PDB file of N, CA and C in Angstrom:
ATOM      1  N   MET A   1     -63.376-197.523-192.819  1.00  0.00           N
ATOM      2  CA  MET A   1     -63.815-197.052-193.700  1.00  0.00           C
ATOM      3  C   MET A   1     -65.754-198.201-194.167  1.00  0.00           C
ATOM      4  N   LYS A   2     -66.407-197.371-194.005  1.00  0.00           N
ATOM      5  CA  LYS A   2     -67.182-198.194-194.614  1.00  0.00           C
ATOM      6  C   LYS A   2     -67.113-198.893-196.486  1.00  0.00           C
ATOM      7  N   ALA A   3     -67.535-200.173-195.677  1.00  0.00           N
ATOM      8  CA  ALA A   3     -67.990-200.964-197.154  1.00  0.00           C
ATOM      9  C   ALA A   3     -69.243-200.190-198.452  1.00  0.00           C
ATOM     10  N   LEU A   4     -68.589-200.592-199.590  1.00  0.00           N
ATOM     11  CA  LEU A   4     -68.785-200.328-200.478  1.00  0.00           C
ATOM     12  C   LEU A   4     -69.966-200.758-200.866  1.00  0.00           C
ATOM     13  N   SER A   5     -71.472-200.337-201.380  1.00  0.00           N
ATOM     14  CA  SER A   5     -73.297-200.932-201.559  1.00  0.00           C
ATOM     15  C   SER A   5     -72.734-201.931-203.219  1.00  0.00           C
ATOM     16  N   PRO A   6     -73.287-202.632-203.229  1.00  0.00           N
ATOM     17  CA  PRO A   6     -72.947-203.667-204.654  1.00  0.00           C
ATOM     18  C   PRO A   6     -73.105-202.915-205.808  1.00  0.00           C
ATOM     19  N   TYR A   7     -73.819-201.820-205.801  1.00  0.00           N
ATOM     20  CA  TYR A   7     -74.173-200.507-206.793  1.00  0.00           C
ATOM     21  C   TYR A   7     -73.071-200.303-207.243  1.00  0.00           C
ATOM     22  N   GLN A   8     -72.773-199.415-205.883  1.00  0.00           N
ATOM     23  CA  GLN A   8     -71.101-197.858-205.543  1.00  0.00           C
ATOM     24  C   GLN A   8     -70.407-199.236-206.388  1.00  0.00           C
ATOM     25  N   ARG A   9     -69.797-200.287-206.226  1.00  0.00           N
ATOM     26  CA  ARG A   9     -68.878-200.993-206.797  1.00  0.00           C
ATOM     27  C   ARG A   9     -69.285-200.840-208.536  1.00  0.00           C
ATOM     28  N   LEU A  10     -70.482-201.832-208.807  1.00  0.00           N
ATOM     29  CA  LEU A  10     -70.557-201.193-210.597  1.00  0.00           C
ATOM     30  C   LEU A  10     -70.373-199.972-210.683  1.00  0.00           C
ATOM     31  N   ILE A  11     -70.714-199.082-210.268  1.00  0.00           N
ATOM     32  CA  ILE A  11     -70.124-197.721-210.621  1.00  0.00           C
ATOM     33  C   ILE A  11     -69.104-197.295-210.093  1.00  0.00           C
ATOM     34  N   LEU A  12     -67.920-197.973-209.883  1.00  0.00           N
ATOM     35  CA  LEU A  12     -66.513-197.356-209.981  1.00  0.00           C
ATOM     36  C   LEU A  12     -66.024-198.501-210.580  1.00  0.00           C
ATOM     37  N   LEU A  13     -66.435-199.925-210.611  1.00  0.00           N
ATOM     38  CA  LEU A  13     -65.501-200.665-212.001  1.00  0.00           C
ATOM     39  C   LEU A  13     -66.057-199.843-213.382  1.00  0.00           C
ATOM     40  N   ALA A  14     -67.323-198.833-213.568  1.00  0.00           N
ATOM     41  CA  ALA A  14     -67.549-198.763-215.136  1.00  0.00           C
ATOM     42  C   ALA A  14     -66.518-197.587-214.919  1.00  0.00           C
ATOM     43  N   ILE A  15     -66.055-196.873-214.174  1.00  0.00           N
ATOM     44  CA  ILE A  15     -65.323-195.949-214.231  1.00  0.00           C
ATOM     45  C   ILE A  15     -64.311-195.632-214.466  1.00  0.00           C
ATOM     46  N   ILE A  16     -62.814-196.977-213.769  1.00  0.00           N
ATOM     47  CA  ILE A  16     -62.405-197.640-214.198  1.00  0.00           C
ATOM     48  C   ILE A  16     -61.491-197.684-215.088  1.00  0.00           C
ATOM     49  N   LEU A  17     -62.773-199.474-215.833  1.00  0.00           N
ATOM     50  CA  LEU A  17     -63.130-199.773-217.299  1.00  0.00           C
ATOM     51  C   LEU A  17     -63.114-198.498-218.137  1.00  0.00           C
ATOM     52  N   THR A  18     -63.651-197.451-217.887  1.00  0.00           N
ATOM     53  CA  THR A  18     -64.208-196.504-219.088  1.00  0.00           C
ATOM     54  C   THR A  18     -62.689-195.551-219.586  1.00  0.00           C
ATOM     55  N   SER A  19     -62.148-195.402-217.845  1.00  0.00           N
ATOM     56  CA  SER A  19     -60.792-194.423-217.823  1.00  0.00           C
ATOM     57  C   SER A  19     -60.217-195.367-218.329  1.00  0.00           C
ATOM     58  N   LEU A  20     -59.683-196.213-218.443  1.00  0.00           N
ATOM     59  CA  LEU A  20     -58.941-197.297-218.387  1.00  0.00           C
ATOM     60  C   LEU A  20     -58.963-197.435-220.824  1.00  0.00           C
ATOM     61  N   GLY A  21     -59.611-197.365-220.965  1.00  0.00           N
ATOM     62  CA  GLY A  21     -60.599-197.618-222.727  1.00  0.00           C
ATOM     63  C   GLY A  21     -59.886-195.486-223.067  1.00  0.00           C
ATOM     64  N   VAL A  22     -60.028-195.041-222.152  1.00  0.00           N
ATOM     65  CA  VAL A  22     -59.728-193.480-223.029  1.00  0.00           C
ATOM     66  C   VAL A  22     -58.099-193.422-222.899  1.00  0.00           C
ATOM     67  N   VAL A  23     -57.541-194.362-222.137  1.00  0.00           N
ATOM     68  CA  VAL A  23     -56.359-194.791-222.461  1.00  0.00           C
ATOM     69  C   VAL A  23     -55.835-195.257-223.045  1.00  0.00           C
ATOM     70  N   PHE A  24     -55.748-196.516-222.991  1.00  0.00           N
ATOM     71  CA  PHE A  24     -55.580-197.592-224.574  1.00  0.00           C
ATOM     72  C   PHE A  24     -56.102-196.474-225.859  1.00  0.00           C
ATOM     73  N   ASN A  25     -57.206-195.896-225.327  1.00  0.00           N
ATOM     74  CA  ASN A  25     -57.238-195.574-226.933  1.00  0.00           C
ATOM     75  C   ASN A  25     -56.692-194.189-227.362  1.00  0.00           C
ATOM     76  N   THR A  26     -56.201-193.162-226.534  1.00  0.00           N
ATOM     77  CA  THR A  26     -55.242-192.239-226.717  1.00  0.00           C
ATOM     78  C   THR A  26     -54.077-192.649-226.848  1.00  0.00           C
ATOM     79  N   THR A  27     -53.189-193.251-226.163  1.00  0.00           N
ATOM     80  CA  THR A  27     -51.926-193.622-225.931  1.00  0.00           C
ATOM     81  C   THR A  27     -51.869-195.161-226.518  1.00  0.00           C
ATOM     82  N   LEU A  28     -52.365-195.780-226.426  1.00  0.00           N
ATOM     83  CA  LEU A  28     -51.701-197.091-227.168  1.00  0.00           C
ATOM     84  C   LEU A  28     -52.587-197.570-228.701  1.00  0.00           C
ATOM     85  N   SER A  29     -52.369-196.393-229.425  1.00  0.00           N
ATOM     86  CA  SER A  29     -53.916-196.885-230.419  1.00  0.00           C
ATOM     87  C   SER A  29     -52.964-197.703-231.368  1.00  0.00           C
ATOM     88  N   ASP A  30     -52.127-198.350-231.155  1.00  0.00           N
ATOM     89  CA  ASP A  30     -51.548-199.010-231.653  1.00  0.00           C
ATOM     90  C   ASP A  30     -51.950-200.929-231.139  1.00  0.00           C
ATOM     91  N   MET A  31     -52.276-200.155-230.466  1.00  0.00           N
ATOM     92  CA  MET A  31     -53.409-202.215-229.211  1.00  0.00           C
ATOM     93  C   MET A  31     -54.863-202.795-230.326  1.00  0.00           C
ATOM     94  N   GLY A  32     -55.148-200.723-230.872  1.00  0.00           N
ATOM     95  CA  GLY A  32     -56.156-202.496-232.259  1.00  0.00           C
ATOM     96  C   GLY A  32     -57.725-201.517-231.135  1.00  0.00           C
ATOM     97  N   SER A  33     -58.654-201.853-231.033  1.00  0.00           N
ATOM     98  CA  SER A  33     -59.866-201.201-230.661  1.00  0.00           C
ATOM     99  C   SER A  33     -59.784-201.774-229.398  1.00  0.00           C
ATOM    100  N   ILE A  34     -59.224-202.643-227.896  1.00  0.00           N
ATOM    101  CA  ILE A  34     -59.131-202.732-227.430  1.00  0.00           C
ATOM    102  C   ILE A  34     -59.312-201.791-226.405  1.00  0.00           C
ATOM    103  N   GLY A  35     -59.296-200.216-226.980  1.00  0.00           N
ATOM    104  CA  GLY A  35     -59.787-199.448-226.001  1.00  0.00           C
ATOM    105  C   GLY A  35     -61.456-198.901-225.813  1.00  0.00           C
ATOM    106  N   THR A  36     -61.523-199.199-226.985  1.00  0.00           N
ATOM    107  CA  THR A  36     -62.618-199.827-227.300  1.00  0.00           C
ATOM    108  C   THR A  36     -64.440-200.229-227.469  1.00  0.00           C
ATOM    109  N   VAL A  37     -63.146-201.502-227.096  1.00  0.00           N
ATOM    110  CA  VAL A  37     -64.317-202.754-225.808  1.00  0.00           C
ATOM    111  C   VAL A  37     -64.234-202.068-223.926  1.00  0.00           C
ATOM    112  N   PHE A  38     -62.750-201.263-223.836  1.00  0.00           N
ATOM    113  CA  PHE A  38     -62.677-200.756-222.135  1.00  0.00           C
ATOM    114  C   PHE A  38     -64.142-200.197-222.181  1.00  0.00           C
ATOM    115  N   ILE A  39     -63.916-199.238-222.478  1.00  0.00           N
ATOM    116  CA  ILE A  39     -65.398-197.691-222.665  1.00  0.00           C
ATOM    117  C   ILE A  39     -66.668-198.126-223.065  1.00  0.00           C
ATOM    118  N   ALA A  40     -66.850-199.486-223.650  1.00  0.00           N
ATOM    119  CA  ALA A  40     -68.404-199.999-224.102  1.00  0.00           C
ATOM    120  C   ALA A  40     -68.612-200.955-222.688  1.00  0.00           C
ATOM    121  N   VAL A  41     -67.305-201.878-222.038  1.00  0.00           N
ATOM    122  CA  VAL A  41     -67.846-202.226-221.510  1.00  0.00           C
ATOM    123  C   VAL A  41     -68.395-202.069-219.736  1.00  0.00           C
ATOM    124  N   GLY A  42     -67.316-201.159-219.845  1.00  0.00           N
ATOM    125  CA  GLY A  42     -67.271-199.439-218.639  1.00  0.00           C
ATOM    126  C   GLY A  42     -68.814-199.313-218.676  1.00  0.00           C
ATOM    127  N   GLY A  43     -69.742-198.920-220.131  1.00  0.00           N
ATOM    128  CA  GLY A  43     -70.554-198.365-219.969  1.00  0.00           C
ATOM    129  C   GLY A  43     -71.283-199.247-220.020  1.00  0.00           C
ATOM    130  N   LEU A  44     -71.543-200.052-220.258  1.00  0.00           N
ATOM    131  CA  LEU A  44     -72.257-201.836-219.069  1.00  0.00           C
ATOM    132  C   LEU A  44     -72.012-200.896-218.181  1.00  0.00           C
ATOM    133  N   PHE A  45     -71.419-201.610-217.159  1.00  0.00           N
ATOM    134  CA  PHE A  45     -70.649-202.014-216.012  1.00  0.00           C
ATOM    135  C   PHE A  45     -71.995-200.489-215.443  1.00  0.00           C
ATOM    136  N   LEU A  46     -72.089-199.825-216.149  1.00  0.00           N
ATOM    137  CA  LEU A  46     -72.546-198.240-215.965  1.00  0.00           C
ATOM    138  C   LEU A  46     -73.910-198.234-215.656  1.00  0.00           C
ATOM    139  N   ILE A  47     -74.500-199.033-216.486  1.00  0.00           N
ATOM    140  CA  ILE A  47     -75.714-198.935-217.072  1.00  0.00           C
ATOM    141  C   ILE A  47     -76.092-200.083-215.524  1.00  0.00           C
ATOM    142  N   MET A  48     -75.720-200.643-215.120  1.00  0.00           N
ATOM    143  CA  MET A  48     -75.864-201.760-214.586  1.00  0.00           C
ATOM    144  C   MET A  48     -76.344-201.891-213.245  1.00  0.00           C
ATOM    145  N   GLY A  49     -74.915-200.964-212.912  1.00  0.00           N
ATOM    146  CA  GLY A  49     -75.106-199.996-211.675  1.00  0.00           C
ATOM    147  C   GLY A  49     -76.499-198.864-211.090  1.00  0.00           C
ATOM    148  N   MET A  50     -76.306-198.106-212.276  1.00  0.00           N
ATOM    149  CA  MET A  50     -77.492-197.733-212.234  1.00  0.00           C
ATOM    150  C   MET A  50     -79.062-198.263-211.900  1.00  0.00           C
ATOM    151  N   LYS A  51     -79.159-199.171-212.726  1.00  0.00           N
ATOM    152  CA  LYS A  51     -80.211-200.300-212.356  1.00  0.00           C
ATOM    153  C   LYS A  51     -80.169-200.683-211.216  1.00  0.00           C
ATOM    154  N   LYS A  52     -79.252-201.077-210.491  1.00  0.00           N
ATOM    155  CA  LYS A  52     -79.304-201.934-209.147  1.00  0.00           C
ATOM    156  C   LYS A  52     -79.933-200.586-208.359  1.00  0.00           C
ATOM    157  N   LYS A  53     -79.288-199.191-208.517  1.00  0.00           N
ATOM    158  CA  LYS A  53     -79.766-198.002-207.318  1.00  0.00           C
ATOM    159  C   LYS A  53     -80.674-198.286-207.861  1.00  0.00           C
ATOM    160  N   ALA A  54     -81.341-198.145-208.835  1.00  0.00           N
ATOM    161  CA  ALA A  54     -83.396-197.794-209.101  1.00  0.00           C
ATOM    162  C   ALA A  54     -83.497-198.998-208.576  1.00  0.00           C
ATOM    163  N   ASP A  55     -83.100-199.987-208.629  1.00  0.00           N
ATOM    164  CA  ASP A  55     -83.662-200.721-207.955  1.00  0.00           C
ATOM    165  C   ASP A  55     -84.186-200.696-206.330  1.00  0.00           C
ATOM    166  N   LEU A  56     -83.034-200.247-205.744  1.00  0.00           N
ATOM    167  CA  LEU A  56     -82.938-200.316-204.449  1.00  0.00           C
ATOM    168  C   LEU A  56     -83.514-198.912-204.015  1.00  0.00           C
ATOM    169  N   ASP A  57     -83.326-197.912-204.760  1.00  0.00           N
ATOM    170  CA  ASP A  57     -84.427-196.818-204.392  1.00  0.00           C
ATOM    171  C   ASP A  57     -85.953-197.060-204.441  1.00  0.00           C
ATOM    172  N   LYS A  58     -86.220-197.899-205.197  1.00  0.00           N
ATOM    173  CA  LYS A  58     -87.529-198.784-204.928  1.00  0.00           C
ATOM    174  C   LYS A  58     -87.574-199.253-203.981  1.00  0.00           C
ATOM    175  N   GLU A  59     -87.298-200.529-204.194  1.00  0.00           N
ATOM    176  CA  GLU A  59     -87.621-201.465-202.434  1.00  0.00           C
ATOM    177  C   GLU A  59     -87.589-200.376-201.480  1.00  0.00           C
ATOM    178  N   GLN A  60     -86.426-199.569-201.181  1.00  0.00           N
ATOM    179  CA  GLN A  60     -86.961-198.951-199.842  1.00  0.00           C
ATOM    180  C   GLN A  60     -87.835-197.948-199.804  1.00  0.00           C
ATOM    181  N   ALA A  61     -88.149-197.196-201.041  1.00  0.00           N
ATOM    182  CA  ALA A  61     -89.794-196.692-200.937  1.00  0.00           C
ATOM    183  C   ALA A  61     -90.943-197.582-201.258  1.00  0.00           C
ATOM    184  N   GLU A  62     -90.670-198.928-201.298  1.00  0.00           N
ATOM    185  CA  GLU A  62     -92.483-199.179-201.149  1.00  0.00           C
ATOM    186  C   GLU A  62     -92.380-199.243-199.202  1.00  0.00           C
ATOM    187  N   GLU A  63     -91.381-199.938-198.675  1.00  0.00           N
ATOM    188  CA  GLU A  63     -90.716-200.484-197.068  1.00  0.00           C
ATOM    189  C   GLU A  63     -91.964-198.537-196.753  1.00  0.00           C
TER     190      GLU A  63
END
């Protein structure tokens, strides 16, 4: 199996955190705002992963 690149790892982590946030928001509503926090952190990791991919694509285009 091929190893994931750094941006792919960040995007995968973002998907996992966001899905956990949705689960916590819907099924464990008595936990408070932990689901919203997971969704927000997942969004942050998604933005970071997309930025890394854009930087990598830009670097490869310059070569």
